C-alpha atoms as a PDB file:
ATOM      1  CA  MET A   1    -107.677  21.104  31.552  1.00  0.00           C
ATOM      2  CA  ALA A   2    -108.471  17.762  33.154  1.00  0.00           C
ATOM      3  CA  SER A   3    -105.762  15.274  33.859  1.00  0.00           C
ATOM      4  CA  GLN A   4    -106.011  11.497  33.866  1.00  0.00           C
ATOM      5  CA  ASP A   5    -104.646  11.710  37.417  1.00  0.00           C
ATOM      6  CA  TRP A   6    -107.876  13.343  38.529  1.00  0.00           C
ATOM      7  CA  LEU A   7    -109.566   9.940  38.383  1.00  0.00           C
ATOM      8  CA  ASP A   8    -107.108   8.515  40.896  1.00  0.00           C
ATOM      9  CA  LYS A   9    -106.449  11.457  43.204  1.00  0.00           C
ATOM     10  CA  ASP A  10    -108.754  12.764  45.900  1.00  0.00           C
ATOM     11  CA  PHE A  11    -107.649  16.369  46.219  1.00  0.00           C
ATOM     12  CA  TYR A  12    -110.040  16.965  49.108  1.00  0.00           C
ATOM     13  CA  ALA A  13    -108.367  14.172  51.089  1.00  0.00           C
ATOM     14  CA  VAL A  14    -104.913  15.497  50.183  1.00  0.00           C
ATOM     15  CA  LEU A  15    -105.793  18.836  51.761  1.00  0.00           C
ATOM     16  CA  GLY A  16    -107.884  17.282  54.537  1.00  0.00           C
ATOM     17  CA  VAL A  17    -111.012  19.302  53.743  1.00  0.00           C
ATOM     18  CA  ALA A  18    -114.626  18.391  53.077  1.00  0.00           C
ATOM     19  CA  LYS A  19    -115.947  18.257  49.524  1.00  0.00           C
ATOM     20  CA  ASP A  20    -118.095  21.316  50.218  1.00  0.00           C
ATOM     21  CA  ALA A  21    -115.219  23.340  51.705  1.00  0.00           C
ATOM     22  CA  GLU A  22    -115.182  27.065  51.056  1.00  0.00           C
ATOM     23  CA  THR A  23    -112.282  28.669  49.194  1.00  0.00           C
ATOM     24  CA  ALA A  24    -110.897  30.194  52.402  1.00  0.00           C
ATOM     25  CA  GLU A  25    -110.821  26.787  54.107  1.00  0.00           C
ATOM     26  CA  ILE A  26    -109.007  25.265  51.120  1.00  0.00           C
ATOM     27  CA  LYS A  27    -106.443  28.065  51.170  1.00  0.00           C
ATOM     28  CA  LYS A  28    -105.888  27.705  54.916  1.00  0.00           C
ATOM     29  CA  ALA A  29    -105.358  23.928  54.643  1.00  0.00           C
ATOM     30  CA  TYR A  30    -103.006  24.410  51.689  1.00  0.00           C
ATOM     31  CA  ARG A  31    -100.869  26.977  53.495  1.00  0.00           C
ATOM     32  CA  LYS A  32    -100.574  24.790  56.589  1.00  0.00           C
ATOM     33  CA  LEU A  33     -99.580  21.683  54.625  1.00  0.00           C
ATOM     34  CA  ALA A  34     -97.280  23.540  52.223  1.00  0.00           C
ATOM     35  CA  LYS A  35     -95.414  24.967  55.205  1.00  0.00           C
ATOM     36  CA  GLN A  36     -95.246  21.531  56.867  1.00  0.00           C
ATOM     37  CA  TYR A  37     -93.931  19.703  53.786  1.00  0.00           C
ATOM     38  CA  HIS A  38     -91.862  22.493  52.226  1.00  0.00           C
ATOM     39  CA  PRO A  39     -88.511  21.229  50.874  1.00  0.00           C
ATOM     40  CA  ASP A  40     -86.597  23.804  52.944  1.00  0.00           C
ATOM     41  CA  ARG A  41     -87.972  22.162  56.093  1.00  0.00           C
ATOM     42  CA  ASN A  42     -87.522  18.602  54.822  1.00  0.00           C
ATOM     43  CA  ALA A  43     -84.241  18.583  52.921  1.00  0.00           C
ATOM     44  CA  GLY A  44     -83.557  15.198  51.358  1.00  0.00           C
ATOM     45  CA  ASP A  45     -86.952  13.746  52.336  1.00  0.00           C
ATOM     46  CA  ASP A  46     -88.437  12.372  49.105  1.00  0.00           C
ATOM     47  CA  ALA A  47     -91.786  11.536  50.723  1.00  0.00           C
ATOM     48  CA  ALA A  48     -92.187  15.105  51.998  1.00  0.00           C
ATOM     49  CA  GLU A  49     -91.221  16.450  48.582  1.00  0.00           C
ATOM     50  CA  GLN A  50     -93.915  14.336  46.914  1.00  0.00           C
ATOM     51  CA  LYS A  51     -96.483  15.366  49.510  1.00  0.00           C
ATOM     52  CA  PHE A  52     -95.568  19.029  48.893  1.00  0.00           C
ATOM     53  CA  LYS A  53     -96.163  18.535  45.157  1.00  0.00           C
ATOM     54  CA  ASP A  54     -99.478  16.752  45.785  1.00  0.00           C
ATOM     55  CA  VAL A  55    -100.639  19.536  48.085  1.00  0.00           C
ATOM     56  CA  GLY A  56     -99.731  22.135  45.456  1.00  0.00           C
ATOM     57  CA  GLU A  57    -101.588  20.263  42.733  1.00  0.00           C
ATOM     58  CA  ALA A  58    -104.667  19.840  44.932  1.00  0.00           C
ATOM     59  CA  HIS A  59    -104.680  23.535  45.770  1.00  0.00           C
ATOM     60  CA  ALA A  60    -104.233  24.567  42.138  1.00  0.00           C
ATOM     61  CA  VAL A  61    -107.300  22.584  41.096  1.00  0.00           C
ATOM     62  CA  LEU A  62    -109.578  23.269  44.059  1.00  0.00           C
ATOM     63  CA  SER A  63    -108.831  26.977  44.273  1.00  0.00           C
ATOM     64  CA  ASP A  64    -109.809  27.577  40.637  1.00  0.00           C
ATOM     65  CA  PRO A  65    -113.633  27.535  40.403  1.00  0.00           C
ATOM     66  CA  GLU A  66    -113.701  26.265  36.808  1.00  0.00           C
ATOM     67  CA  GLN A  67    -111.162  23.491  37.409  1.00  0.00           C
ATOM     68  CA  ARG A  68    -112.904  22.528  40.644  1.00  0.00           C
ATOM     69  CA  ARG A  69    -116.257  22.159  38.861  1.00  0.00           C
ATOM     70  CA  GLU A  70    -114.613  20.039  36.183  1.00  0.00           C
ATOM     71  CA  TYR A  71    -112.803  17.929  38.787  1.00  0.00           C
ATOM     72  CA  ASP A  72    -115.995  17.402  40.798  1.00  0.00           C
ATOM     73  CA  ALA A  73    -117.923  16.435  37.657  1.00  0.00           C
ATOM     74  CA  ILE A  74    -115.305  13.881  36.608  1.00  0.00           C
ATOM     75  CA  ARG A  75    -115.088  12.415  40.109  1.00  0.00           C
ATOM     76  CA  SER A  76    -118.865  12.160  40.432  1.00  0.00           C
ATOM     77  CA  MET A  77    -119.111  10.195  37.176  1.00  0.00           C
ATOM     78  CA  THR A  78    -116.451   7.701  38.222  1.00  0.00           C
ATOM     79  CA  GLY A  79    -116.734   7.687  41.983  1.00  0.00           C
ATOM     80  CA  GLY A  80    -120.163   6.286  42.556  1.00  0.00           C
ATOM     81  CA  GLY A  81    -123.449   5.217  41.189  1.00  0.00           C
ATOM     82  CA  ALA A  82    -124.273   2.179  39.136  1.00  0.00           C
ATOM     83  CA  ARG A  83    -121.501   0.469  37.291  1.00  0.00           C
ATOM     84  CA  PHE A  84    -121.632  -2.228  34.692  1.00  0.00           C
ATOM     85  CA  THR A  85    -119.676  -5.305  35.634  1.00  0.00           C
ATOM     86  CA  ALA A  86    -119.205  -8.610  33.963  1.00  0.00           C
ATOM     87  CA  GLY A  87    -121.484 -11.285  35.330  1.00  0.00           C
ATOM     88  CA  GLY A  88    -120.156 -14.559  36.559  1.00  0.00           C
ATOM     89  CA  PRO A  89    -121.705 -17.810  37.665  1.00  0.00           C
ATOM     90  CA  GLY A  90    -124.872 -16.913  39.497  1.00  0.00           C
ATOM     91  CA  GLY A  91    -124.255 -13.278  38.632  1.00  0.00           C
ATOM     92  CA  GLY A  92    -127.890 -12.498  37.970  1.00  0.00           C
ATOM     93  CA  ALA A  93    -129.898 -11.915  34.852  1.00  0.00           C
ATOM     94  CA  GLY A  94    -128.075 -11.706  31.560  1.00  0.00           C
ATOM     95  CA  PHE A  95    -128.984  -9.469  28.655  1.00  0.00           C
ATOM     96  CA  GLU A  96    -131.223 -12.125  27.146  1.00  0.00           C
ATOM     97  CA  ASP A  97    -133.136 -12.528  30.411  1.00  0.00           C
ATOM     98  CA  ILE A  98    -133.999  -8.849  30.527  1.00  0.00           C
ATOM     99  CA  PHE A  99    -135.196  -8.375  26.954  1.00  0.00           C
END
């Protein structure tokens, strides 16, 4: 199930992998980062603890084919393409100018 956080988080960047990364590459990156930021290695380090949680969340989504497809679809709708913005002075044609 999609989370509102998915709009704000780039799970590929969290794991340091490309958007077209294979499952094995995602797993390898996850294992490396999970080991690096594991609470047993970073006792009392709140930043490392948060990074460990972020890495786990990214792996959970990207390693599940259905969740990954959903995540990619949501990110593609919000991450690029044309957007409607309010016009300002000199902002171009208004609705009335088009129709």
